[in-house]
Amino acid sequence: MDDLDALLGALADPTRRRVVELLGAGPRRAGDLAAGVGVAATALSRHLQVLRSSGLVTVEPVAGDARGREYRLVPERLVAVRAWIDQVEAFWSEQLGSFKVHAERTRGPGRGPG
């Protein structure tokens, strides 16, 4: 559950969600990401650190550029979030289905809605 908490915590911020969306289209440098989300590079650095700590984002050196680094999304990390959402959805679907059966049974024959 700690892993899921870290993922959800990282995705709780709208700036970080926007970074994830941008990286979904492909790797980008920090400057491109900062421009894409409309924040200063220093602010983006903190967001990227949170995303890296959660495992949602990795950083790699750019070939032929000693100082260049590209950030990449790790889409496999989103599997845990999707699995949790599916579990919650299944639970509530079952609960609502049971409530519907109960409501129809207690309403009795010949009674209309309301």
PDB file of N, CA and C in Angstrom:
ATOM      1  N   MET A   1       0.817  -1.185   0.000  1.00  0.00           N
ATOM      2  CA  MET A   1       0.000   0.000   0.000  1.00  0.00           C
ATOM      3  C   MET A   1       0.867   1.257   0.000  1.00  0.00           C
ATOM      4  N   ASP A   2       2.063   1.198   0.614  1.00  0.00           N
ATOM      5  CA  ASP A   2       2.954   2.356   0.624  1.00  0.00           C
ATOM      6  C   ASP A   2       3.310   2.772  -0.801  1.00  0.00           C
ATOM      7  N   ASP A   3       3.504   1.785  -1.660  1.00  0.00           N
ATOM      8  CA  ASP A   3       3.831   2.059  -3.054  1.00  0.00           C
ATOM      9  C   ASP A   3       2.693   2.822  -3.732  1.00  0.00           C
ATOM     10  N   LEU A   4       1.475   2.387  -3.508  1.00  0.00           N
ATOM     11  CA  LEU A   4       0.315   3.065  -4.078  1.00  0.00           C
ATOM     12  C   LEU A   4       0.179   4.470  -3.501  1.00  0.00           C
ATOM     13  N   ASP A   5       0.443   4.611  -2.213  1.00  0.00           N
ATOM     14  CA  ASP A   5       0.382   5.935  -1.587  1.00  0.00           C
ATOM     15  C   ASP A   5       1.374   6.885  -2.239  1.00  0.00           C
ATOM     16  N   ALA A   6       2.576   6.404  -2.511  1.00  0.00           N
ATOM     17  CA  ALA A   6       3.590   7.245  -3.155  1.00  0.00           C
ATOM     18  C   ALA A   6       3.143   7.648  -4.561  1.00  0.00           C
ATOM     19  N   LEU A   7       2.563   6.701  -5.284  1.00  0.00           N
ATOM     20  CA  LEU A   7       2.090   7.003  -6.641  1.00  0.00           C
ATOM     21  C   LEU A   7       0.952   8.016  -6.617  1.00  0.00           C
ATOM     22  N   LEU A   8      -0.021   7.784  -5.749  1.00  0.00           N
ATOM     23  CA  LEU A   8      -1.156   8.700  -5.668  1.00  0.00           C
ATOM     24  C   LEU A   8      -0.723  10.071  -5.153  1.00  0.00           C
ATOM     25  N   GLY A   9       0.217  10.078  -4.220  1.00  0.00           N
ATOM     26  CA  GLY A   9       0.748  11.344  -3.723  1.00  0.00           C
ATOM     27  C   GLY A   9       1.438  12.130  -4.829  1.00  0.00           C
ATOM     28  N   ALA A  10       2.192  11.436  -5.644  1.00  0.00           N
ATOM     29  CA  ALA A  10       2.878  12.099  -6.755  1.00  0.00           C
ATOM     30  C   ALA A  10       1.882  12.640  -7.767  1.00  0.00           C
ATOM     31  N   LEU A  11       0.795  11.926  -7.976  1.00  0.00           N
ATOM     32  CA  LEU A  11      -0.205  12.345  -8.962  1.00  0.00           C
ATOM     33  C   LEU A  11      -1.224  13.324  -8.392  1.00  0.00           C
ATOM     34  N   ALA A  12      -1.146  13.611  -7.100  1.00  0.00           N
ATOM     35  CA  ALA A  12      -2.122  14.500  -6.467  1.00  0.00           C
ATOM     36  C   ALA A  12      -1.967  15.951  -6.922  1.00  0.00           C
ATOM     37  N   ASP A  13      -0.800  16.305  -7.388  1.00  0.00           N
ATOM     38  CA  ASP A  13      -0.536  17.682  -7.784  1.00  0.00           C
ATOM     39  C   ASP A  13      -0.816  17.881  -9.274  1.00  0.00           C
ATOM     40  N   PRO A  14      -1.574  18.917  -9.643  1.00  0.00           N
ATOM     41  CA  PRO A  14      -1.905  19.127 -11.060  1.00  0.00           C
ATOM     42  C   PRO A  14      -0.690  19.380 -11.946  1.00  0.00           C
ATOM     43  N   THR A  15       0.343  20.005 -11.409  1.00  0.00           N
ATOM     44  CA  THR A  15       1.556  20.232 -12.206  1.00  0.00           C
ATOM     45  C   THR A  15       2.222  18.905 -12.528  1.00  0.00           C
ATOM     46  N   ARG A  16       2.297  18.023 -11.537  1.00  0.00           N
ATOM     47  CA  ARG A  16       2.920  16.717 -11.785  1.00  0.00           C
ATOM     48  C   ARG A  16       2.080  15.877 -12.745  1.00  0.00           C
ATOM     49  N   ARG A  17       0.751  15.978 -12.635  1.00  0.00           N
ATOM     50  CA  ARG A  17      -0.092  15.247 -13.600  1.00  0.00           C
ATOM     51  C   ARG A  17       0.162  15.763 -15.007  1.00  0.00           C
ATOM     52  N   ARG A  18       0.333  17.055 -15.161  1.00  0.00           N
ATOM     53  CA  ARG A  18       0.612  17.621 -16.484  1.00  0.00           C
ATOM     54  C   ARG A  18       1.968  17.132 -16.999  1.00  0.00           C
ATOM     55  N   VAL A  19       2.952  17.037 -16.122  1.00  0.00           N
ATOM     56  CA  VAL A  19       4.264  16.499 -16.523  1.00  0.00           C
ATOM     57  C   VAL A  19       4.104  15.064 -17.011  1.00  0.00           C
ATOM     58  N   VAL A  20       3.327  14.268 -16.279  1.00  0.00           N
ATOM     59  CA  VAL A  20       3.093  12.875 -16.689  1.00  0.00           C
ATOM     60  C   VAL A  20       2.419  12.839 -18.062  1.00  0.00           C
ATOM     61  N   GLU A  21       1.446  13.717 -18.280  1.00  0.00           N
ATOM     62  CA  GLU A  21       0.784  13.781 -19.589  1.00  0.00           C
ATOM     63  C   GLU A  21       1.774  14.129 -20.694  1.00  0.00           C
ATOM     64  N   LEU A  22       2.627  15.109 -20.448  1.00  0.00           N
ATOM     65  CA  LEU A  22       3.613  15.505 -21.457  1.00  0.00           C
ATOM     66  C   LEU A  22       4.594  14.374 -21.743  1.00  0.00           C
ATOM     67  N   LEU A  23       5.027  13.695 -20.684  1.00  0.00           N
ATOM     68  CA  LEU A  23       5.970  12.593 -20.878  1.00  0.00           C
ATOM     69  C   LEU A  23       5.309  11.383 -21.526  1.00  0.00           C
ATOM     70  N   GLY A  24       3.996  11.316 -21.463  1.00  0.00           N
ATOM     71  CA  GLY A  24       3.285  10.241 -22.156  1.00  0.00           C
ATOM     72  C   GLY A  24       3.481  10.310 -23.662  1.00  0.00           C
ATOM     73  N   ALA A  25       3.784  11.499 -24.161  1.00  0.00           N
ATOM     74  CA  ALA A  25       4.029  11.681 -25.597  1.00  0.00           C
ATOM     75  C   ALA A  25       5.478  11.378 -25.963  1.00  0.00           C
ATOM     76  N   GLY A  26       6.341  11.235 -24.964  1.00  0.00           N
ATOM     77  CA  GLY A  26       7.741  10.920 -25.238  1.00  0.00           C
ATOM     78  C   GLY A  26       8.662  11.643 -24.284  1.00  0.00           C
ATOM     79  N   PRO A  27       9.929  11.249 -24.280  1.00  0.00           N
ATOM     80  CA  PRO A  27      10.911  11.851 -23.373  1.00  0.00           C
ATOM     81  C   PRO A  27      11.090  13.345 -23.654  1.00  0.00           C
ATOM     82  N   ARG A  28      11.414  14.080 -22.602  1.00  0.00           N
ATOM     83  CA  ARG A  28      11.629  15.529 -22.734  1.00  0.00           C
ATOM     84  C   ARG A  28      12.696  15.986 -21.753  1.00  0.00           C
ATOM     85  N   ARG A  29      13.316  17.088 -22.103  1.00  0.00           N
ATOM     86  CA  ARG A  29      14.263  17.733 -21.199  1.00  0.00           C
ATOM     87  C   ARG A  29      13.492  18.577 -20.191  1.00  0.00           C
ATOM     88  N   ALA A  30      14.145  18.872 -19.079  1.00  0.00           N
ATOM     89  CA  ALA A  30      13.507  19.639 -18.011  1.00  0.00           C
ATOM     90  C   ALA A  30      13.033  21.004 -18.513  1.00  0.00           C
ATOM     91  N   GLY A  31      13.813  21.666 -19.329  1.00  0.00           N
ATOM     92  CA  GLY A  31      13.420  22.975 -19.841  1.00  0.00           C
ATOM     93  C   GLY A  31      12.151  22.908 -20.670  1.00  0.00           C
ATOM     94  N   ASP A  32      12.036  21.863 -21.474  1.00  0.00           N
ATOM     95  CA  ASP A  32      10.824  21.681 -22.281  1.00  0.00           C
ATOM     96  C   ASP A  32       9.615  21.409 -21.390  1.00  0.00           C
ATOM     97  N   LEU A  33       9.839  20.623 -20.344  1.00  0.00           N
ATOM     98  CA  LEU A  33       8.752  20.330 -19.412  1.00  0.00           C
ATOM     99  C   LEU A  33       8.317  21.587 -18.662  1.00  0.00           C
ATOM    100  N   ALA A  34       9.301  22.390 -18.228  1.00  0.00           N
ATOM    101  CA  ALA A  34       8.979  23.624 -17.501  1.00  0.00           C
ATOM    102  C   ALA A  34       8.138  24.549 -18.382  1.00  0.00           C
ATOM    103  N   ALA A  35       8.530  24.669 -19.640  1.00  0.00           N
ATOM    104  CA  ALA A  35       7.762  25.509 -20.564  1.00  0.00           C
ATOM    105  C   ALA A  35       6.375  24.913 -20.809  1.00  0.00           C
ATOM    106  N   GLY A  36       6.298  23.600 -20.903  1.00  0.00           N
ATOM    107  CA  GLY A  36       5.031  22.928 -21.177  1.00  0.00           C
ATOM    108  C   GLY A  36       4.014  23.051 -20.058  1.00  0.00           C
ATOM    109  N   VAL A  37       4.500  23.115 -18.821  1.00  0.00           N
ATOM    110  CA  VAL A  37       3.577  23.235 -17.691  1.00  0.00           C
ATOM    111  C   VAL A  37       3.489  24.660 -17.165  1.00  0.00           C
ATOM    112  N   GLY A  38       4.351  25.526 -17.659  1.00  0.00           N
ATOM    113  CA  GLY A  38       4.288  26.933 -17.276  1.00  0.00           C
ATOM    114  C   GLY A  38       4.788  27.237 -15.881  1.00  0.00           C
ATOM    115  N   VAL A  39       5.857  26.573 -15.470  1.00  0.00           N
ATOM    116  CA  VAL A  39       6.463  26.856 -14.168  1.00  0.00           C
ATOM    117  C   VAL A  39       7.950  27.132 -14.350  1.00  0.00           C
ATOM    118  N   ALA A  40       8.540  27.758 -13.347  1.00  0.00           N
ATOM    119  CA  ALA A  40       9.981  28.019 -13.366  1.00  0.00           C
ATOM    120  C   ALA A  40      10.739  26.702 -13.229  1.00  0.00           C
ATOM    121  N   ALA A  41      11.941  26.690 -13.755  1.00  0.00           N
ATOM    122  CA  ALA A  41      12.765  25.480 -13.711  1.00  0.00           C
ATOM    123  C   ALA A  41      13.005  25.014 -12.279  1.00  0.00           C
ATOM    124  N   THR A  42      13.185  25.944 -11.346  1.00  0.00           N
ATOM    125  CA  THR A  42      13.420  25.545  -9.945  1.00  0.00           C
ATOM    126  C   THR A  42      12.192  24.852  -9.351  1.00  0.00           C
ATOM    127  N   ALA A  43      11.008  25.359  -9.664  1.00  0.00           N
ATOM    128  CA  ALA A  43       9.782  24.719  -9.173  1.00  0.00           C
ATOM    129  C   ALA A  43       9.604  23.352  -9.819  1.00  0.00           C
ATOM    130  N   LEU A  44       9.896  23.263 -11.102  1.00  0.00           N
ATOM    131  CA  LEU A  44       9.749  21.984 -11.797  1.00  0.00           C
ATOM    132  C   LEU A  44      10.712  20.948 -11.230  1.00  0.00           C
ATOM    133  N   SER A  45      11.890  21.382 -10.836  1.00  0.00           N
ATOM    134  CA  SER A  45      12.876  20.461 -10.282  1.00  0.00           C
ATOM    135  C   SER A  45      12.308  19.705  -9.086  1.00  0.00           C
ATOM    136  N   ARG A  46      11.587  20.401  -8.228  1.00  0.00           N
ATOM    137  CA  ARG A  46      10.978  19.736  -7.061  1.00  0.00           C
ATOM    138  C   ARG A  46       9.908  18.740  -7.491  1.00  0.00           C
ATOM    139  N   HIS A  47       9.117  19.107  -8.487  1.00  0.00           N
ATOM    140  CA  HIS A  47       8.083  18.192  -8.985  1.00  0.00           C
ATOM    141  C   HIS A  47       8.715  16.946  -9.612  1.00  0.00           C
ATOM    142  N   LEU A  48       9.775  17.144 -10.368  1.00  0.00           N
ATOM    143  CA  LEU A  48      10.450  16.005 -10.999  1.00  0.00           C
ATOM    144  C   LEU A  48      11.050  15.078  -9.945  1.00  0.00           C
ATOM    145  N   GLN A  49      11.545  15.651  -8.855  1.00  0.00           N
ATOM    146  CA  GLN A  49      12.093  14.825  -7.785  1.00  0.00           C
ATOM    147  C   GLN A  49      11.010  13.941  -7.176  1.00  0.00           C
ATOM    148  N   VAL A  50       9.834  14.491  -6.957  1.00  0.00           N
ATOM    149  CA  VAL A  50       8.719  13.697  -6.404  1.00  0.00           C
ATOM    150  C   VAL A  50       8.346  12.587  -7.380  1.00  0.00           C
ATOM    151  N   LEU A  51       8.264  12.921  -8.666  1.00  0.00           N
ATOM    152  CA  LEU A  51       7.913  11.914  -9.684  1.00  0.00           C
ATOM    153  C   LEU A  51       8.986  10.834  -9.780  1.00  0.00           C
ATOM    154  N   ARG A  52      10.241  11.222  -9.660  1.00  0.00           N
ATOM    155  CA  ARG A  52      11.326  10.235  -9.685  1.00  0.00           C
ATOM    156  C   ARG A  52      11.287   9.349  -8.448  1.00  0.00           C
ATOM    157  N   SER A  53      11.025   9.945  -7.287  1.00  0.00           N
ATOM    158  CA  SER A  53      10.974   9.167  -6.037  1.00  0.00           C
ATOM    159  C   SER A  53       9.857   8.133  -6.064  1.00  0.00           C
ATOM    160  N   SER A  54       8.756   8.470  -6.731  1.00  0.00           N
ATOM    161  CA  SER A  54       7.633   7.535  -6.825  1.00  0.00           C
ATOM    162  C   SER A  54       7.865   6.457  -7.885  1.00  0.00           C
ATOM    163  N   GLY A  55       8.889   6.642  -8.705  1.00  0.00           N
ATOM    164  CA  GLY A  55       9.180   5.683  -9.766  1.00  0.00           C
ATOM    165  C   GLY A  55       8.408   5.925 -11.043  1.00  0.00           C
ATOM    166  N   LEU A  56       7.625   7.006 -11.089  1.00  0.00           N
ATOM    167  CA  LEU A  56       6.857   7.312 -12.308  1.00  0.00           C
ATOM    168  C   LEU A  56       7.721   7.861 -13.432  1.00  0.00           C
ATOM    169  N   VAL A  57       8.855   8.445 -13.061  1.00  0.00           N
ATOM    170  CA  VAL A  57       9.719   9.103 -14.041  1.00  0.00           C
ATOM    171  C   VAL A  57      11.161   8.679 -13.794  1.00  0.00           C
ATOM    172  N   THR A  58      11.878   8.478 -14.876  1.00  0.00           N
ATOM    173  CA  THR A  58      13.319   8.246 -14.796  1.00  0.00           C
ATOM    174  C   THR A  58      14.022   9.363 -15.551  1.00  0.00           C
ATOM    175  N   VAL A  59      15.298   9.511 -15.291  1.00  0.00           N
ATOM    176  CA  VAL A  59      16.100  10.506 -16.002  1.00  0.00           C
ATOM    177  C   VAL A  59      17.328   9.800 -16.569  1.00  0.00           C
ATOM    178  N   GLU A  60      17.655  10.159 -17.798  1.00  0.00           N
ATOM    179  CA  GLU A  60      18.790   9.537 -18.480  1.00  0.00           C
ATOM    180  C   GLU A  60      19.604  10.607 -19.178  1.00  0.00           C
ATOM    181  N   PRO A  61      20.922  10.388 -19.274  1.00  0.00           N
ATOM    182  CA  PRO A  61      21.744  11.344 -20.007  1.00  0.00           C
ATOM    183  C   PRO A  61      21.403  11.323 -21.495  1.00  0.00           C
ATOM    184  N   VAL A  62      21.569  12.461 -22.131  1.00  0.00           N
ATOM    185  CA  VAL A  62      21.338  12.571 -23.574  1.00  0.00           C
ATOM    186  C   VAL A  62      22.648  12.229 -24.286  1.00  0.00           C
ATOM    187  N   ALA A  63      22.580  11.319 -25.224  1.00  0.00           N
ATOM    188  CA  ALA A  63      23.784  10.924 -25.967  1.00  0.00           C
ATOM    189  C   ALA A  63      24.379  12.133 -26.680  1.00  0.00           C
ATOM    190  N   GLY A  64      25.679  12.297 -26.521  1.00  0.00           N
ATOM    191  CA  GLY A  64      26.375  13.382 -27.203  1.00  0.00           C
ATOM    192  C   GLY A  64      26.252  14.730 -26.515  1.00  0.00           C
ATOM    193  N   ASP A  65      25.599  14.797 -25.372  1.00  0.00           N
ATOM    194  CA  ASP A  65      25.445  16.053 -24.633  1.00  0.00           C
ATOM    195  C   ASP A  65      25.747  15.757 -23.169  1.00  0.00           C
ATOM    196  N   ALA A  66      26.955  16.115 -22.740  1.00  0.00           N
ATOM    197  CA  ALA A  66      27.422  15.758 -21.398  1.00  0.00           C
ATOM    198  C   ALA A  66      26.522  16.313 -20.299  1.00  0.00           C
ATOM    199  N   ARG A  67      25.888  17.447 -20.531  1.00  0.00           N
ATOM    200  CA  ARG A  67      25.050  18.046 -19.497  1.00  0.00           C
ATOM    201  C   ARG A  67      23.568  17.773 -19.697  1.00  0.00           C
ATOM    202  N   GLY A  68      23.195  17.278 -20.857  1.00  0.00           N
ATOM    203  CA  GLY A  68      21.784  17.062 -21.159  1.00  0.00           C
ATOM    204  C   GLY A  68      21.211  15.838 -20.467  1.00  0.00           C
ATOM    205  N   ARG A  69      19.970  15.992 -19.995  1.00  0.00           N
ATOM    206  CA  ARG A  69      19.258  14.871 -19.371  1.00  0.00           C
ATOM    207  C   ARG A  69      17.819  14.878 -19.869  1.00  0.00           C
ATOM    208  N   GLU A  70      17.321  13.690 -20.151  1.00  0.00           N
ATOM    209  CA  GLU A  70      15.925  13.543 -20.580  1.00  0.00           C
ATOM    210  C   GLU A  70      15.145  12.778 -19.527  1.00  0.00           C
ATOM    211  N   TYR A  71      13.935  13.227 -19.334  1.00  0.00           N
ATOM    212  CA  TYR A  71      13.025  12.558 -18.404  1.00  0.00           C
ATOM    213  C   TYR A  71      12.080  11.688 -19.204  1.00  0.00           C
ATOM    214  N   ARG A  72      11.824  10.511 -18.664  1.00  0.00           N
ATOM    215  CA  ARG A  72      10.952   9.541 -19.327  1.00  0.00           C
ATOM    216  C   ARG A  72       9.910   9.026 -18.342  1.00  0.00           C
ATOM    217  N   LEU A  73       8.722   8.819 -18.861  1.00  0.00           N
ATOM    218  CA  LEU A  73       7.646   8.222 -18.075  1.00  0.00           C
ATOM    219  C   LEU A  73       7.886   6.721 -17.971  1.00  0.00           C
ATOM    220  N   VAL A  74       7.566   6.152 -16.822  1.00  0.00           N
ATOM    221  CA  VAL A  74       7.620   4.702 -16.617  1.00  0.00           C
ATOM    222  C   VAL A  74       6.165   4.242 -16.545  1.00  0.00           C
ATOM    223  N   PRO A  75       5.553   3.954 -17.716  1.00  0.00           N
ATOM    224  CA  PRO A  75       4.120   3.661 -17.739  1.00  0.00           C
ATOM    225  C   PRO A  75       3.735   2.429 -16.924  1.00  0.00           C
ATOM    226  N   GLU A  76       4.651   1.517 -16.722  1.00  0.00           N
ATOM    227  CA  GLU A  76       4.350   0.321 -15.933  1.00  0.00           C
ATOM    228  C   GLU A  76       3.964   0.684 -14.492  1.00  0.00           C
ATOM    229  N   ARG A  77       4.454   1.811 -14.005  1.00  0.00           N
ATOM    230  CA  ARG A  77       4.126   2.236 -12.649  1.00  0.00           C
ATOM    231  C   ARG A  77       2.658   2.611 -12.512  1.00  0.00           C
ATOM    232  N   LEU A  78       2.031   2.957 -13.614  1.00  0.00           N
ATOM    233  CA  LEU A  78       0.617   3.316 -13.570  1.00  0.00           C
ATOM    234  C   LEU A  78      -0.276   2.090 -13.446  1.00  0.00           C
ATOM    235  N   VAL A  79       0.284   0.903 -13.646  1.00  0.00           N
ATOM    236  CA  VAL A  79      -0.485  -0.333 -13.524  1.00  0.00           C
ATOM    237  C   VAL A  79      -1.032  -0.480 -12.101  1.00  0.00           C
ATOM    238  N   ALA A  80      -0.235  -0.125 -11.109  1.00  0.00           N
ATOM    239  CA  ALA A  80      -0.691  -0.235  -9.719  1.00  0.00           C
ATOM    240  C   ALA A  80      -1.876   0.692  -9.454  1.00  0.00           C
ATOM    241  N   VAL A  81      -1.834   1.879 -10.018  1.00  0.00           N
ATOM    242  CA  VAL A  81      -2.943   2.817  -9.848  1.00  0.00           C
ATOM    243  C   VAL A  81      -4.189   2.267 -10.535  1.00  0.00           C
ATOM    244  N   ARG A  82      -4.027   1.782 -11.742  1.00  0.00           N
ATOM    245  CA  ARG A  82      -5.170   1.223 -12.489  1.00  0.00           C
ATOM    246  C   ARG A  82      -5.759   0.023 -11.753  1.00  0.00           C
ATOM    247  N   ALA A  83      -4.911  -0.828 -11.195  1.00  0.00           N
ATOM    248  CA  ALA A  83      -5.399  -2.002 -10.467  1.00  0.00           C
ATOM    249  C   ALA A  83      -6.215  -1.576  -9.250  1.00  0.00           C
ATOM    250  N   TRP A  84      -5.764  -0.549  -8.540  1.00  0.00           N
ATOM    251  CA  TRP A  84      -6.504  -0.070  -7.383  1.00  0.00           C
ATOM    252  C   TRP A  84      -7.849   0.517  -7.809  1.00  0.00           C
ATOM    253  N   ILE A  85      -7.848   1.307  -8.870  1.00  0.00           N
ATOM    254  CA  ILE A  85      -9.096   1.886  -9.380  1.00  0.00           C
ATOM    255  C   ILE A  85     -10.058   0.777  -9.795  1.00  0.00           C
ATOM    256  N   ASP A  86      -9.554  -0.246 -10.462  1.00  0.00           N
ATOM    257  CA  ASP A  86     -10.403  -1.373 -10.866  1.00  0.00           C
ATOM    258  C   ASP A  86     -10.999  -2.076  -9.650  1.00  0.00           C
ATOM    259  N   GLN A  87     -10.194  -2.226  -8.607  1.00  0.00           N
ATOM    260  CA  GLN A  87     -10.666  -2.883  -7.388  1.00  0.00           C
ATOM    261  C   GLN A  87     -11.777  -2.063  -6.730  1.00  0.00           C
ATOM    262  N   VAL A  88     -11.591  -0.765  -6.630  1.00  0.00           N
ATOM    263  CA  VAL A  88     -12.605   0.107  -6.027  1.00  0.00           C
ATOM    264  C   VAL A  88     -13.873   0.107  -6.871  1.00  0.00           C
ATOM    265  N   GLU A  89     -13.697   0.171  -8.179  1.00  0.00           N
ATOM    266  CA  GLU A  89     -14.849   0.163  -9.087  1.00  0.00           C
ATOM    267  C   GLU A  89     -15.637  -1.141  -8.960  1.00  0.00           C
ATOM    268  N   ALA A  90     -14.932  -2.257  -8.882  1.00  0.00           N
ATOM    269  CA  ALA A  90     -15.608  -3.552  -8.743  1.00  0.00           C
ATOM    270  C   ALA A  90     -16.374  -3.620  -7.426  1.00  0.00           C
ATOM    271  N   PHE A  91     -15.780  -3.124  -6.359  1.00  0.00           N
ATOM    272  CA  PHE A  91     -16.452  -3.124  -5.068  1.00  0.00           C
ATOM    273  C   PHE A  91     -17.746  -2.332  -5.139  1.00  0.00           C
ATOM    274  N   TRP A  92     -17.681  -1.104  -5.676  1.00  0.00           N
ATOM    275  CA  TRP A  92     -18.884  -0.269  -5.713  1.00  0.00           C
ATOM    276  C   TRP A  92     -19.913  -0.771  -6.708  1.00  0.00           C
ATOM    277  N   SER A  93     -19.486  -1.378  -7.770  1.00  0.00           N
ATOM    278  CA  SER A  93     -20.442  -1.974  -8.713  1.00  0.00           C
ATOM    279  C   SER A  93     -21.215  -3.092  -8.030  1.00  0.00           C
ATOM    280  N   GLU A  94     -20.496  -3.913  -7.256  1.00  0.00           N
ATOM    281  CA  GLU A  94     -21.158  -4.998  -6.521  1.00  0.00           C
ATOM    282  C   GLU A  94     -22.120  -4.435  -5.473  1.00  0.00           C
ATOM    283  N   GLN A  95     -21.680  -3.416  -4.742  1.00  0.00           N
ATOM    284  CA  GLN A  95     -22.523  -2.811  -3.716  1.00  0.00           C
ATOM    285  C   GLN A  95     -23.788  -2.200  -4.327  1.00  0.00           C
ATOM    286  N   LEU A  96     -23.621  -1.470  -5.403  1.00  0.00           N
ATOM    287  CA  LEU A  96     -24.782  -0.842  -6.047  1.00  0.00           C
ATOM    288  C   LEU A  96     -25.716  -1.886  -6.651  1.00  0.00           C
ATOM    289  N   GLY A  97     -25.150  -2.959  -7.196  1.00  0.00           N
ATOM    290  CA  GLY A  97     -25.977  -4.040  -7.722  1.00  0.00           C
ATOM    291  C   GLY A  97     -26.794  -4.692  -6.618  1.00  0.00           C
ATOM    292  N   SER A  98     -26.166  -4.918  -5.474  1.00  0.00           N
ATOM    293  CA  SER A  98     -26.881  -5.503  -4.326  1.00  0.00           C
ATOM    294  C   SER A  98     -27.967  -4.560  -3.832  1.00  0.00           C
ATOM    295  N   PHE A  99     -27.678  -3.266  -3.794  1.00  0.00           N
ATOM    296  CA  PHE A  99     -28.676  -2.300  -3.356  1.00  0.00           C
ATOM    297  C   PHE A  99     -29.856  -2.270  -4.319  1.00  0.00           C
ATOM    298  N   LYS A 100     -29.584  -2.359  -5.600  1.00  0.00           N
ATOM    299  CA  LYS A 100     -30.662  -2.359  -6.593  1.00  0.00           C
ATOM    300  C   LYS A 100     -31.574  -3.563  -6.379  1.00  0.00           C
ATOM    301  N   VAL A 101     -30.977  -4.748  -6.186  1.00  0.00           N
ATOM    302  CA  VAL A 101     -31.762  -5.962  -5.950  1.00  0.00           C
ATOM    303  C   VAL A 101     -32.595  -5.795  -4.683  1.00  0.00           C
ATOM    304  N   HIS A 102     -31.994  -5.272  -3.635  1.00  0.00           N
ATOM    305  CA  HIS A 102     -32.713  -5.066  -2.379  1.00  0.00           C
ATOM    306  C   HIS A 102     -33.863  -4.073  -2.563  1.00  0.00           C
ATOM    307  N   ALA A 103     -33.606  -2.972  -3.254  1.00  0.00           N
ATOM    308  CA  ALA A 103     -34.645  -1.958  -3.462  1.00  0.00           C
ATOM    309  C   ALA A 103     -35.796  -2.518  -4.288  1.00  0.00           C
ATOM    310  N   GLU A 104     -35.497  -3.292  -5.298  1.00  0.00           N
ATOM    311  CA  GLU A 104     -36.552  -3.871  -6.130  1.00  0.00           C
ATOM    312  C   GLU A 104     -37.347  -4.911  -5.351  1.00  0.00           C
ATOM    313  N   ARG A 105     -36.671  -5.659  -4.489  1.00  0.00           N
ATOM    314  CA  ARG A 105     -37.344  -6.697  -3.705  1.00  0.00           C
ATOM    315  C   ARG A 105     -38.243  -6.068  -2.642  1.00  0.00           C
ATOM    316  N   THR A 106     -37.803  -5.006  -1.996  1.00  0.00           N
ATOM    317  CA  THR A 106     -38.594  -4.401  -0.928  1.00  0.00           C
ATOM    318  C   THR A 106     -39.682  -3.478  -1.455  1.00  0.00           C
ATOM    319  N   ARG A 107     -39.570  -3.084  -2.697  1.00  0.00           N
ATOM    320  CA  ARG A 107     -40.597  -2.226  -3.275  1.00  0.00           C
ATOM    321  C   ARG A 107     -41.908  -2.988  -3.436  1.00  0.00           C
ATOM    322  N   GLY A 108     -41.806  -4.270  -3.699  1.00  0.00           N
ATOM    323  CA  GLY A 108     -42.985  -5.126  -3.810  1.00  0.00           C
ATOM    324  C   GLY A 108     -43.598  -5.063  -5.202  1.00  0.00           C
ATOM    325  N   PRO A 109     -44.408  -6.077  -5.546  1.00  0.00           N
ATOM    326  CA  PRO A 109     -45.021  -6.117  -6.879  1.00  0.00           C
ATOM    327  C   PRO A 109     -46.117  -5.065  -7.007  1.00  0.00           C
ATOM    328  N   GLY A 110     -46.248  -4.547  -8.179  1.00  0.00           N
ATOM    329  CA  GLY A 110     -47.323  -3.628  -8.482  1.00  0.00           C
ATOM    330  C   GLY A 110     -47.092  -2.190  -8.039  1.00  0.00           C
ATOM    331  N   ARG A 111     -46.002  -1.960  -7.318  1.00  0.00           N
ATOM    332  CA  ARG A 111     -45.710  -0.597  -6.897  1.00  0.00           C
ATOM    333  C   ARG A 111     -44.776   0.045  -7.908  1.00  0.00           C
ATOM    334  N   GLY A 112     -45.083   1.228  -8.240  1.00  0.00           N
ATOM    335  CA  GLY A 112     -44.241   1.963  -9.170  1.00  0.00           C
ATOM    336  C   GLY A 112     -43.096   2.634  -8.426  1.00  0.00           C
ATOM    337  N   PRO A 113     -42.216   3.275  -9.162  1.00  0.00           N
ATOM    338  CA  PRO A 113     -41.118   3.979  -8.511  1.00  0.00           C
ATOM    339  C   PRO A 113     -41.663   5.114  -7.651  1.00  0.00           C
ATOM    340  N   GLY A 114     -40.983   5.382  -6.552  1.00  0.00           N
ATOM    341  CA  GLY A 114     -41.302   6.509  -5.695  1.00  0.00           C
ATOM    342  C   GLY A 114     -42.300   6.179  -4.739  1.00  0.00           C
TER     343      GLY A 114
END
